[in-house]
Every structure is written in C-alpha cells, then in structure tokens.
C-alpha cells in the first residue's frame, strides 16, 4: 500500500493540538519526532512529553486529498503552519526493519542475534532476540555499553537486577553469561511481556522473573544494571541502590556524556565508582558498593 505523509513543525504547546486536528481530518497514524536532538526524560505510562522543537508526522493513504488536510489545519490552528508533504515508497516497512537488523557481537563471546536470522557462531554465547514493542535490540549505544560491561563480569551463580528491562536483552544476556537468577523491573507491562517471550525463546524462562515496580518482592542482588535515563537514575538512586548487596557491582547507562558527572555525583557517596565509559554521545557509569 502506498502512503503519503505530512511533516509539521511544532513545539511543546502546539504539537498535541496538531495531532488532534490530523486525527479529525482522517489521519490513521500520528507520530512525534525530535526536531533538534533534545533528549527527553523517560515518560510515565500513558504520558507524552514533547520536545521544544517537535515534528508532528501524519500518515495518510496516498489517495487522500492533502489539499483538504492542509486547508483544515490552516483553518483550525491558531498558529502559522510550516509543513512538508512527502510520498513514501510502497514497501513492507516491518520487513525492511527486519532485513536491516543483523547479529551483533559484544566483547569476546557474546552475540545478540535476531530470532529470524542464522547464528554466526554456534559456540559463542548467543541471545536470540525479538524486541517486539519494547526497547532494547543492542543497536543503541546505551544497550551496547551495558552488554559489553556484562560480558566482562564474572556472573557465575550471581543474582542480577535488570532495572528498566525493556525487551529483556540485558537480563537474558546475564543468564546466558552464567547468572543464576535475574529480576527484571519495568514500568511498562509490554516490556515485561517482551522479556518473558524472549526468555522463553532462549530457554531461560525459569531463571527470569519480571515485575512492575509496585509488585516487586524484597530481595538483594550481586549485580544491578540500570539502562534508563539520567534523571530517573538520579531520582531513583535510593531504590536502585537498595537492590544491591554490599560489595555488589552496578552499571548505569542511558546517560548523555554531559550528564555523566551529575549522575556520578549522586552515586559517589554510596558507590566506589571505577569507570565512566563512552560510546558516541552516550556513557555508562559503573562501580561497586562498599
């Protein structure tokens, strides 16, 4: 099926209204995109946070009369309209994404492999992944930084917390690398479902437990990995550190380079920090609890 899209420049105040107008005029799908590389902190379930420079994208059937759409937007918007209309190539977009998701190696022995592709090295530690609707494929620098850190640790017989588990990629990798038990925690029920599905795919479902924050039991762990964002890492530091046993190790990511020191400063009174690793604009902060 062929599609056409309209891209409209907006801001925090106008994005939501433009979305409503697009839906009113028959748009079946509206998405939002950052127009100026401004990071946004992780929203709560059901919450939408807009960027100062937001691109509102409305997707229509190619046969739709876009003159009618533009006229409706101009007539009902209180602000001037800056937009671009683009024809989209007719292709299977899900297949396009699948074709471009390849196995990736982390460290000396860990591979993250899409579940629909052949495993490059059967003798390696292989995690088969289908992320579904949850975040975490290994292609993002924050996930890669955490996977490299996990691959370098001795996880044999350890209990690991995957805080903000997403697709379950970090927790499943930890089990494949020797962890005895992993507890995944996430605010999104879809993330918990994706984690369990991927754990089943990898034959480690009995070693993975997943919880919403309000349902998690009391426990302590040898290792905590938290790949969320800088602000929630700071705000939730007491909770995150509460999972960690004395002498346990922690790695945190989802942190832009310019935010790394502020995160380190919050954890420094409680953790002996040993490394701030960087990949592109993202960093990982790690250390151990005295």
C-alpha atoms as a PDB file:
ATOM      1  CA  UNK A   1       0.000   0.000   0.000  1.00  0.00           C
ATOM      2  CA  UNK A   2       1.346   3.452  -0.933  1.00  0.00           C
ATOM      3  CA  UNK A   3       1.421   6.197   1.677  1.00  0.00           C
ATOM      4  CA  UNK A   4       1.854   9.951   1.882  1.00  0.00           C
ATOM      5  CA  UNK A   5       2.924  11.888   4.948  1.00  0.00           C
ATOM      6  CA  UNK A   6       2.798  15.464   6.155  1.00  0.00           C
ATOM      7  CA  UNK A   7       5.584  16.699   8.448  1.00  0.00           C
ATOM      8  CA  UNK A   8       4.650  19.738  10.519  1.00  0.00           C
ATOM      9  CA  UNK A   9       6.993  21.821  12.660  1.00  0.00           C
ATOM     10  CA  UNK A  10       5.560  22.356  16.142  1.00  0.00           C
ATOM     11  CA  UNK A  11       6.592  22.896  19.769  1.00  0.00           C
ATOM     12  CA  UNK A  12       5.516  21.760  23.228  1.00  0.00           C
ATOM     13  CA  UNK A  13       2.440  23.973  23.127  1.00  0.00           C
ATOM     14  CA  UNK A  14       1.178  23.183  19.614  1.00  0.00           C
ATOM     15  CA  UNK A  15       2.108  19.525  18.980  1.00  0.00           C
ATOM     16  CA  UNK A  16      -0.817  17.932  20.790  1.00  0.00           C
ATOM     17  CA  UNK A  17      -3.399  20.189  19.125  1.00  0.00           C
ATOM     18  CA  UNK A  18      -1.964  19.483  15.670  1.00  0.00           C
ATOM     19  CA  UNK A  19      -2.178  15.773  16.400  1.00  0.00           C
ATOM     20  CA  UNK A  20      -5.877  16.138  17.266  1.00  0.00           C
ATOM     21  CA  UNK A  21      -6.524  18.091  14.074  1.00  0.00           C
ATOM     22  CA  UNK A  22      -4.819  15.433  11.960  1.00  0.00           C
ATOM     23  CA  UNK A  23      -6.938  12.723  13.549  1.00  0.00           C
ATOM     24  CA  UNK A  24     -10.060  14.831  12.983  1.00  0.00           C
ATOM     25  CA  UNK A  25      -9.316  15.031   9.262  1.00  0.00           C
ATOM     26  CA  UNK A  26      -8.923  11.267   8.843  1.00  0.00           C
ATOM     27  CA  UNK A  27      -5.253  10.601   9.629  1.00  0.00           C
ATOM     28  CA  UNK A  28      -4.879   6.959  10.721  1.00  0.00           C
ATOM     29  CA  UNK A  29      -1.441   7.420  12.334  1.00  0.00           C
ATOM     30  CA  UNK A  30       0.278  10.362  14.057  1.00  0.00           C
ATOM     31  CA  UNK A  31       3.818  10.213  15.422  1.00  0.00           C
ATOM     32  CA  UNK A  32       6.160  12.729  17.027  1.00  0.00           C
ATOM     33  CA  UNK A  33       9.873  13.229  16.391  1.00  0.00           C
ATOM     34  CA  UNK A  34      12.563  15.356  17.982  1.00  0.00           C
ATOM     35  CA  UNK A  35      13.463  18.148  15.567  1.00  0.00           C
ATOM     36  CA  UNK A  36      16.660  19.345  17.277  1.00  0.00           C
ATOM     37  CA  UNK A  37      18.317  16.454  19.135  1.00  0.00           C
ATOM     38  CA  UNK A  38      16.948  17.436  22.544  1.00  0.00           C
ATOM     39  CA  UNK A  39      16.819  14.451  24.947  1.00  0.00           C
ATOM     40  CA  UNK A  40      13.557  13.865  26.823  1.00  0.00           C
ATOM     41  CA  UNK A  41      13.402  12.051  30.146  1.00  0.00           C
ATOM     42  CA  UNK A  42      11.571   8.744  30.261  1.00  0.00           C
ATOM     43  CA  UNK A  43       7.799   9.347  30.478  1.00  0.00           C
ATOM     44  CA  UNK A  44       5.454   7.544  32.806  1.00  0.00           C
ATOM     45  CA  UNK A  45       2.941   5.083  31.276  1.00  0.00           C
ATOM     46  CA  UNK A  46       0.371   6.983  29.239  1.00  0.00           C
ATOM     47  CA  UNK A  47       2.351  10.235  29.432  1.00  0.00           C
ATOM     48  CA  UNK A  48       3.532  12.067  26.303  1.00  0.00           C
ATOM     49  CA  UNK A  49       6.372  14.573  26.611  1.00  0.00           C
ATOM     50  CA  UNK A  50       7.009  16.874  23.652  1.00  0.00           C
ATOM     51  CA  UNK A  51      10.303  18.406  22.598  1.00  0.00           C
ATOM     52  CA  UNK A  52      10.805  22.188  22.286  1.00  0.00           C
ATOM     53  CA  UNK A  53      11.159  21.545  18.542  1.00  0.00           C
ATOM     54  CA  UNK A  54       8.730  18.734  17.693  1.00  0.00           C
ATOM     55  CA  UNK A  55       7.979  17.307  14.260  1.00  0.00           C
ATOM     56  CA  UNK A  56       4.392  16.067  14.031  1.00  0.00           C
ATOM     57  CA  UNK A  57       4.068  13.420  11.315  1.00  0.00           C
ATOM     58  CA  UNK A  58       0.695  12.454   9.890  1.00  0.00           C
ATOM     59  CA  UNK A  59       0.496   9.361   7.680  1.00  0.00           C
ATOM     60  CA  UNK A  60      -2.256   9.043   5.055  1.00  0.00           C
ATOM     61  CA  UNK A  61      -3.265   6.714   2.276  1.00  0.00           C
ATOM     62  CA  UNK A  62      -1.655   8.028  -0.909  1.00  0.00           C
ATOM     63  CA  UNK A  63      -5.107   8.582  -2.428  1.00  0.00           C
ATOM     64  CA  UNK A  64      -6.057  11.026   0.336  1.00  0.00           C
ATOM     65  CA  UNK A  65      -6.630  14.648  -0.775  1.00  0.00           C
ATOM     66  CA  UNK A  66      -3.848  16.503   1.051  1.00  0.00           C
ATOM     67  CA  UNK A  67      -5.201  19.915  -0.059  1.00  0.00           C
ATOM     68  CA  UNK A  68      -8.198  19.220   2.149  1.00  0.00           C
ATOM     69  CA  UNK A  69      -5.898  18.267   5.044  1.00  0.00           C
ATOM     70  CA  UNK A  70      -3.805  21.431   4.742  1.00  0.00           C
ATOM     71  CA  UNK A  71      -6.871  23.653   4.422  1.00  0.00           C
ATOM     72  CA  UNK A  72      -8.392  22.104   7.549  1.00  0.00           C
ATOM     73  CA  UNK A  73      -5.189  22.536   9.532  1.00  0.00           C
ATOM     74  CA  UNK A  74      -4.808  26.176   8.499  1.00  0.00           C
ATOM     75  CA  UNK A  75      -8.443  26.959   9.288  1.00  0.00           C
ATOM     76  CA  UNK A  76      -8.355  25.394  12.762  1.00  0.00           C
ATOM     77  CA  UNK A  77      -4.844  26.052  14.025  1.00  0.00           C
ATOM     78  CA  UNK A  78      -4.135  29.223  15.968  1.00  0.00           C
ATOM     79  CA  UNK A  79      -0.532  29.273  14.768  1.00  0.00           C
ATOM     80  CA  UNK A  80       1.148  29.560  11.379  1.00  0.00           C
ATOM     81  CA  UNK A  81       1.758  26.243   9.635  1.00  0.00           C
ATOM     82  CA  UNK A  82       5.187  25.120   8.432  1.00  0.00           C
ATOM     83  CA  UNK A  83       4.902  21.748   6.746  1.00  0.00           C
ATOM     84  CA  UNK A  84       6.220  19.386   4.081  1.00  0.00           C
ATOM     85  CA  UNK A  85       4.294  16.706   2.198  1.00  0.00           C
ATOM     86  CA  UNK A  86       6.199  13.601   1.054  1.00  0.00           C
ATOM     87  CA  UNK A  87       5.346  10.488  -0.924  1.00  0.00           C
ATOM     88  CA  UNK A  88       6.577   7.304   0.744  1.00  0.00           C
ATOM     89  CA  UNK A  89       7.894   4.363  -1.182  1.00  0.00           C
ATOM     90  CA  UNK A  90       5.495   1.427  -1.226  1.00  0.00           C
ATOM     91  CA  UNK A  91       7.279  -1.267   0.785  1.00  0.00           C
ATOM     92  CA  UNK A  92       6.854  -3.664   3.663  1.00  0.00           C
ATOM     93  CA  UNK A  93       8.274  -1.499   6.462  1.00  0.00           C
ATOM     94  CA  UNK A  94       8.357  -4.318   9.017  1.00  0.00           C
ATOM     95  CA  UNK A  95      10.307  -6.460   6.569  1.00  0.00           C
ATOM     96  CA  UNK A  96      12.603  -3.504   5.853  1.00  0.00           C
ATOM     97  CA  UNK A  97      13.454  -3.211   9.567  1.00  0.00           C
ATOM     98  CA  UNK A  98      13.948  -6.962   9.919  1.00  0.00           C
ATOM     99  CA  UNK A  99      16.276  -7.080   6.919  1.00  0.00           C
ATOM    100  CA  UNK A 100      18.482  -4.383   8.479  1.00  0.00           C
ATOM    101  CA  UNK A 101      18.731  -5.934  11.942  1.00  0.00           C
ATOM    102  CA  UNK A 102      21.845  -8.148  11.902  1.00  0.00           C
ATOM    103  CA  UNK A 103      23.645 -10.207  14.575  1.00  0.00           C
ATOM    104  CA  UNK A 104      25.970  -8.046  16.699  1.00  0.00           C
ATOM    105  CA  UNK A 105      28.982  -9.149  18.747  1.00  0.00           C
ATOM    106  CA  UNK A 106      29.799  -7.663  22.168  1.00  0.00           C
ATOM    107  CA  UNK A 107      33.156  -8.325  23.778  1.00  0.00           C
ATOM    108  CA  UNK A 108      34.859 -11.647  23.138  1.00  0.00           C
ATOM    109  CA  UNK A 109      31.981 -14.123  23.239  1.00  0.00           C
ATOM    110  CA  UNK A 110      28.524 -12.523  23.360  1.00  0.00           C
ATOM    111  CA  UNK A 111      26.286 -12.248  20.287  1.00  0.00           C
ATOM    112  CA  UNK A 112      22.828 -10.677  20.067  1.00  0.00           C
ATOM    113  CA  UNK A 113      21.041 -12.399  17.191  1.00  0.00           C
ATOM    114  CA  UNK A 114      17.659 -11.516  15.667  1.00  0.00           C
ATOM    115  CA  UNK A 115      15.446 -14.560  16.097  1.00  0.00           C
ATOM    116  CA  UNK A 116      14.794 -14.733  12.339  1.00  0.00           C
ATOM    117  CA  UNK A 117      18.499 -14.866  11.326  1.00  0.00           C
ATOM    118  CA  UNK A 118      21.126 -17.630  11.393  1.00  0.00           C
ATOM    119  CA  UNK A 119      23.523 -17.678  14.350  1.00  0.00           C
ATOM    120  CA  UNK A 120      27.031 -16.715  13.144  1.00  0.00           C
ATOM    121  CA  UNK A 121      28.942 -18.627  15.851  1.00  0.00           C
ATOM    122  CA  UNK A 122      27.109 -21.579  17.458  1.00  0.00           C
ATOM    123  CA  UNK A 123      29.886 -21.953  20.052  1.00  0.00           C
ATOM    124  CA  UNK A 124      29.540 -18.383  21.330  1.00  0.00           C
ATOM    125  CA  UNK A 125      27.109 -17.054  23.968  1.00  0.00           C
ATOM    126  CA  UNK A 126      24.099 -16.310  21.777  1.00  0.00           C
ATOM    127  CA  UNK A 127      20.988 -14.345  22.764  1.00  0.00           C
ATOM    128  CA  UNK A 128      18.078 -14.719  20.336  1.00  0.00           C
ATOM    129  CA  UNK A 129      16.045 -11.551  20.329  1.00  0.00           C
ATOM    130  CA  UNK A 130      12.696 -10.351  19.050  1.00  0.00           C
ATOM    131  CA  UNK A 131      12.188  -6.967  20.748  1.00  0.00           C
ATOM    132  CA  UNK A 132       8.517  -6.625  19.829  1.00  0.00           C
ATOM    133  CA  UNK A 133       7.189  -3.315  21.177  1.00  0.00           C
ATOM    134  CA  UNK A 134       9.845  -2.994  23.898  1.00  0.00           C
ATOM    135  CA  UNK A 135      13.087  -1.035  23.830  1.00  0.00           C
ATOM    136  CA  UNK A 136      16.360  -2.951  23.520  1.00  0.00           C
ATOM    137  CA  UNK A 137      17.999  -4.537  20.487  1.00  0.00           C
ATOM    138  CA  UNK A 138      21.682  -3.936  21.169  1.00  0.00           C
ATOM    139  CA  UNK A 139      21.935  -1.450  18.326  1.00  0.00           C
ATOM    140  CA  UNK A 140      21.635   1.579  20.629  1.00  0.00           C
ATOM    141  CA  UNK A 141      24.847   2.734  22.305  1.00  0.00           C
ATOM    142  CA  UNK A 142      23.371   2.583  25.820  1.00  0.00           C
ATOM    143  CA  UNK A 143      22.404  -1.079  25.438  1.00  0.00           C
ATOM    144  CA  UNK A 144      25.751  -1.863  23.822  1.00  0.00           C
ATOM    145  CA  UNK A 145      27.647  -0.253  26.707  1.00  0.00           C
ATOM    146  CA  UNK A 146      25.748  -2.384  29.228  1.00  0.00           C
ATOM    147  CA  UNK A 147      26.189  -5.586  27.218  1.00  0.00           C
ATOM    148  CA  UNK A 148      29.944  -5.030  26.960  1.00  0.00           C
ATOM    149  CA  UNK A 149      30.115  -4.459  30.711  1.00  0.00           C
ATOM    150  CA  UNK A 150      28.102  -7.596  31.493  1.00  0.00           C
ATOM    151  CA  UNK A 151      30.288  -9.652  29.140  1.00  0.00           C
ATOM    152  CA  UNK A 152      33.363  -8.549  31.095  1.00  0.00           C
ATOM    153  CA  UNK A 153      31.977  -9.609  34.509  1.00  0.00           C
ATOM    154  CA  UNK A 154      32.071 -12.954  36.293  1.00  0.00           C
ATOM    155  CA  UNK A 155      28.340 -13.656  36.580  1.00  0.00           C
ATOM    156  CA  UNK A 156      28.567 -17.306  37.586  1.00  0.00           C
ATOM    157  CA  UNK A 157      25.853 -18.108  40.126  1.00  0.00           C
ATOM    158  CA  UNK A 158      25.028 -14.428  40.639  1.00  0.00           C
ATOM    159  CA  UNK A 159      21.672 -12.720  41.130  1.00  0.00           C
ATOM    160  CA  UNK A 160      21.204  -9.775  38.747  1.00  0.00           C
ATOM    161  CA  UNK A 161      18.663  -6.946  38.652  1.00  0.00           C
ATOM    162  CA  UNK A 162      17.801  -5.546  35.219  1.00  0.00           C
ATOM    163  CA  UNK A 163      16.187  -2.227  36.162  1.00  0.00           C
ATOM    164  CA  UNK A 164      14.175  -0.945  33.194  1.00  0.00           C
ATOM    165  CA  UNK A 165      14.362  -4.311  31.466  1.00  0.00           C
ATOM    166  CA  UNK A 166      12.698  -3.376  28.145  1.00  0.00           C
ATOM    167  CA  UNK A 167      12.997  -6.359  25.801  1.00  0.00           C
ATOM    168  CA  UNK A 168      14.880  -8.343  28.459  1.00  0.00           C
ATOM    169  CA  UNK A 169      18.093  -8.233  26.452  1.00  0.00           C
ATOM    170  CA  UNK A 170      20.396  -7.422  29.377  1.00  0.00           C
ATOM    171  CA  UNK A 171      18.848  -9.887  31.801  1.00  0.00           C
ATOM    172  CA  UNK A 172      18.809 -12.725  29.273  1.00  0.00           C
ATOM    173  CA  UNK A 173      22.414 -11.979  28.320  1.00  0.00           C
ATOM    174  CA  UNK A 174      23.325 -12.108  32.021  1.00  0.00           C
ATOM    175  CA  UNK A 175      21.743 -15.568  32.364  1.00  0.00           C
ATOM    176  CA  UNK A 176      23.491 -16.812  29.236  1.00  0.00           C
ATOM    177  CA  UNK A 177      26.754 -15.475  30.715  1.00  0.00           C
ATOM    178  CA  UNK A 178      26.263 -17.503  33.898  1.00  0.00           C
ATOM    179  CA  UNK A 179      23.876 -15.635  36.202  1.00  0.00           C
ATOM    180  CA  UNK A 180      21.688 -17.939  38.287  1.00  0.00           C
ATOM    181  CA  UNK A 181      18.722 -15.578  38.717  1.00  0.00           C
ATOM    182  CA  UNK A 182      17.628 -12.331  37.063  1.00  0.00           C
ATOM    183  CA  UNK A 183      14.888  -9.969  38.245  1.00  0.00           C
ATOM    184  CA  UNK A 184      13.611  -7.639  35.548  1.00  0.00           C
ATOM    185  CA  UNK A 185      11.743  -4.489  36.574  1.00  0.00           C
ATOM    186  CA  UNK A 186       9.918  -2.116  34.237  1.00  0.00           C
ATOM    187  CA  UNK A 187       7.033   0.363  34.362  1.00  0.00           C
ATOM    188  CA  UNK A 188       5.670  -0.884  31.022  1.00  0.00           C
ATOM    189  CA  UNK A 189       3.656  -4.154  31.000  1.00  0.00           C
ATOM    190  CA  UNK A 190       4.573  -4.611  27.309  1.00  0.00           C
ATOM    191  CA  UNK A 191       8.236  -4.686  28.330  1.00  0.00           C
ATOM    192  CA  UNK A 192       7.557  -7.436  30.840  1.00  0.00           C
ATOM    193  CA  UNK A 193       5.689  -9.455  28.202  1.00  0.00           C
ATOM    194  CA  UNK A 194       8.526  -8.994  25.687  1.00  0.00           C
ATOM    195  CA  UNK A 195      11.109 -10.008  28.293  1.00  0.00           C
ATOM    196  CA  UNK A 196       9.272 -13.207  29.139  1.00  0.00           C
ATOM    197  CA  UNK A 197       8.757 -14.028  25.468  1.00  0.00           C
ATOM    198  CA  UNK A 198      12.447 -13.562  24.715  1.00  0.00           C
ATOM    199  CA  UNK A 199      13.422 -15.569  27.813  1.00  0.00           C
ATOM    200  CA  UNK A 200      11.236 -18.438  26.579  1.00  0.00           C
ATOM    201  CA  UNK A 201      12.856 -18.176  23.143  1.00  0.00           C
ATOM    202  CA  UNK A 202      16.268 -18.516  24.765  1.00  0.00           C
ATOM    203  CA  UNK A 203      15.317 -21.359  27.103  1.00  0.00           C
ATOM    204  CA  UNK A 204      15.958 -19.343  30.268  1.00  0.00           C
ATOM    205  CA  UNK A 205      12.398 -18.500  31.343  1.00  0.00           C
ATOM    206  CA  UNK A 206      12.767 -20.349  34.676  1.00  0.00           C
ATOM    207  CA  UNK A 207      15.633 -18.058  35.686  1.00  0.00           C
ATOM    208  CA  UNK A 208      13.948 -14.744  34.801  1.00  0.00           C
ATOM    209  CA  UNK A 209      11.348 -13.027  36.971  1.00  0.00           C
ATOM    210  CA  UNK A 210       9.711  -9.774  35.877  1.00  0.00           C
ATOM    211  CA  UNK A 211       7.764  -7.241  37.917  1.00  0.00           C
ATOM    212  CA  UNK A 212       6.138  -3.863  37.778  1.00  0.00           C
ATOM    213  CA  UNK A 213       7.734  -1.625  40.439  1.00  0.00           C
ATOM    214  CA  UNK A 214       4.683  -1.841  42.694  1.00  0.00           C
ATOM    215  CA  UNK A 215       4.727  -5.658  42.583  1.00  0.00           C
ATOM    216  CA  UNK A 216       8.407  -6.403  43.131  1.00  0.00           C
ATOM    217  CA  UNK A 217       9.334  -8.578  46.151  1.00  0.00           C
ATOM    218  CA  UNK A 218      12.046  -7.840  48.694  1.00  0.00           C
ATOM    219  CA  UNK A 219      15.403  -9.183  47.549  1.00  0.00           C
ATOM    220  CA  UNK A 220      19.039  -8.237  47.149  1.00  0.00           C
ATOM    221  CA  UNK A 221      21.341  -8.792  44.189  1.00  0.00           C
ATOM    222  CA  UNK A 222      25.010  -9.201  43.425  1.00  0.00           C
ATOM    223  CA  UNK A 223      24.765  -7.044  40.323  1.00  0.00           C
ATOM    224  CA  UNK A 224      22.442  -4.247  39.217  1.00  0.00           C
ATOM    225  CA  UNK A 225      22.292  -2.934  35.668  1.00  0.00           C
ATOM    226  CA  UNK A 226      20.054   0.074  35.008  1.00  0.00           C
ATOM    227  CA  UNK A 227      19.742   1.288  31.437  1.00  0.00           C
ATOM    228  CA  UNK A 228      17.165   4.047  31.743  1.00  0.00           C
ATOM    229  CA  UNK A 229      17.960   7.794  31.636  1.00  0.00           C
ATOM    230  CA  UNK A 230      19.986  10.224  33.717  1.00  0.00           C
ATOM    231  CA  UNK A 231      17.149  11.960  35.538  1.00  0.00           C
ATOM    232  CA  UNK A 232      15.340   8.812  36.733  1.00  0.00           C
ATOM    233  CA  UNK A 233      18.721   7.307  37.663  1.00  0.00           C
ATOM    234  CA  UNK A 234      19.258  10.269  39.982  1.00  0.00           C
ATOM    235  CA  UNK A 235      15.712  10.446  41.304  1.00  0.00           C
ATOM    236  CA  UNK A 236      15.529   6.696  41.978  1.00  0.00           C
ATOM    237  CA  UNK A 237      19.058   6.177  43.291  1.00  0.00           C
ATOM    238  CA  UNK A 238      17.907   5.055  46.742  1.00  0.00           C
ATOM    239  CA  UNK A 239      15.619   2.412  45.235  1.00  0.00           C
ATOM    240  CA  UNK A 240      18.221   1.223  42.729  1.00  0.00           C
ATOM    241  CA  UNK A 241      20.994   1.016  45.331  1.00  0.00           C
ATOM    242  CA  UNK A 242      18.600  -0.711  47.719  1.00  0.00           C
ATOM    243  CA  UNK A 243      18.700  -3.786  45.474  1.00  0.00           C
ATOM    244  CA  UNK A 244      22.491  -4.064  45.690  1.00  0.00           C
ATOM    245  CA  UNK A 245      24.267  -6.242  48.251  1.00  0.00           C
ATOM    246  CA  UNK A 246      27.415  -4.974  49.988  1.00  0.00           C
ATOM    247  CA  UNK A 247      30.358  -5.423  47.606  1.00  0.00           C
ATOM    248  CA  UNK A 248      27.902  -5.765  44.708  1.00  0.00           C
ATOM    249  CA  UNK A 249      28.523  -4.152  41.338  1.00  0.00           C
ATOM    250  CA  UNK A 250      26.393  -1.665  39.431  1.00  0.00           C
ATOM    251  CA  UNK A 251      26.362  -0.312  35.873  1.00  0.00           C
ATOM    252  CA  UNK A 252      24.133   2.534  34.705  1.00  0.00           C
ATOM    253  CA  UNK A 253      23.512   3.878  31.232  1.00  0.00           C
ATOM    254  CA  UNK A 254      21.040   5.948  29.246  1.00  0.00           C
ATOM    255  CA  UNK A 255      23.291   8.862  30.204  1.00  0.00           C
ATOM    256  CA  UNK A 256      24.452  11.542  27.779  1.00  0.00           C
ATOM    257  CA  UNK A 257      28.131  12.471  28.075  1.00  0.00           C
ATOM    258  CA  UNK A 258      27.362  15.873  29.572  1.00  0.00           C
ATOM    259  CA  UNK A 259      25.149  14.219  32.220  1.00  0.00           C
ATOM    260  CA  UNK A 260      27.652  11.579  33.365  1.00  0.00           C
ATOM    261  CA  UNK A 261      29.287  13.621  36.107  1.00  0.00           C
ATOM    262  CA  UNK A 262      25.971  14.674  37.632  1.00  0.00           C
ATOM    263  CA  UNK A 263      24.904  11.002  37.831  1.00  0.00           C
ATOM    264  CA  UNK A 264      28.294  10.024  39.264  1.00  0.00           C
ATOM    265  CA  UNK A 265      27.993  12.757  41.910  1.00  0.00           C
ATOM    266  CA  UNK A 266      24.662  11.350  43.144  1.00  0.00           C
ATOM    267  CA  UNK A 267      26.033   7.793  43.465  1.00  0.00           C
ATOM    268  CA  UNK A 268      29.550   8.637  44.691  1.00  0.00           C
ATOM    269  CA  UNK A 269      28.605   8.785  48.426  1.00  0.00           C
ATOM    270  CA  UNK A 270      27.286   5.212  48.224  1.00  0.00           C
ATOM    271  CA  UNK A 271      29.318   3.536  45.464  1.00  0.00           C
ATOM    272  CA  UNK A 272      33.019   3.352  44.659  1.00  0.00           C
ATOM    273  CA  UNK A 273      32.896   4.428  41.022  1.00  0.00           C
ATOM    274  CA  UNK A 274      35.525   2.858  38.803  1.00  0.00           C
ATOM    275  CA  UNK A 275      34.661   3.831  35.223  1.00  0.00           C
ATOM    276  CA  UNK A 276      32.793   6.251  33.002  1.00  0.00           C
ATOM    277  CA  UNK A 277      32.815   4.631  29.561  1.00  0.00           C
ATOM    278  CA  UNK A 278      31.639   6.470  26.456  1.00  0.00           C
ATOM    279  CA  UNK A 279      30.289   5.407  23.066  1.00  0.00           C
ATOM    280  CA  UNK A 280      29.350   8.295  20.806  1.00  0.00           C
ATOM    281  CA  UNK A 281      27.323  10.789  22.841  1.00  0.00           C
ATOM    282  CA  UNK A 282      26.273   8.183  25.444  1.00  0.00           C
ATOM    283  CA  UNK A 283      28.038   6.965  28.580  1.00  0.00           C
ATOM    284  CA  UNK A 284      27.983   4.155  31.138  1.00  0.00           C
ATOM    285  CA  UNK A 285      28.832   4.753  34.801  1.00  0.00           C
ATOM    286  CA  UNK A 286      29.889   1.707  36.839  1.00  0.00           C
ATOM    287  CA  UNK A 287      31.246   0.859  40.258  1.00  0.00           C
ATOM    288  CA  UNK A 288      30.872  -1.286  43.381  1.00  0.00           C
ATOM    289  CA  UNK A 289      29.151  -0.932  46.737  1.00  0.00           C
ATOM    290  CA  UNK A 290      31.483  -0.928  49.753  1.00  0.00           C
END
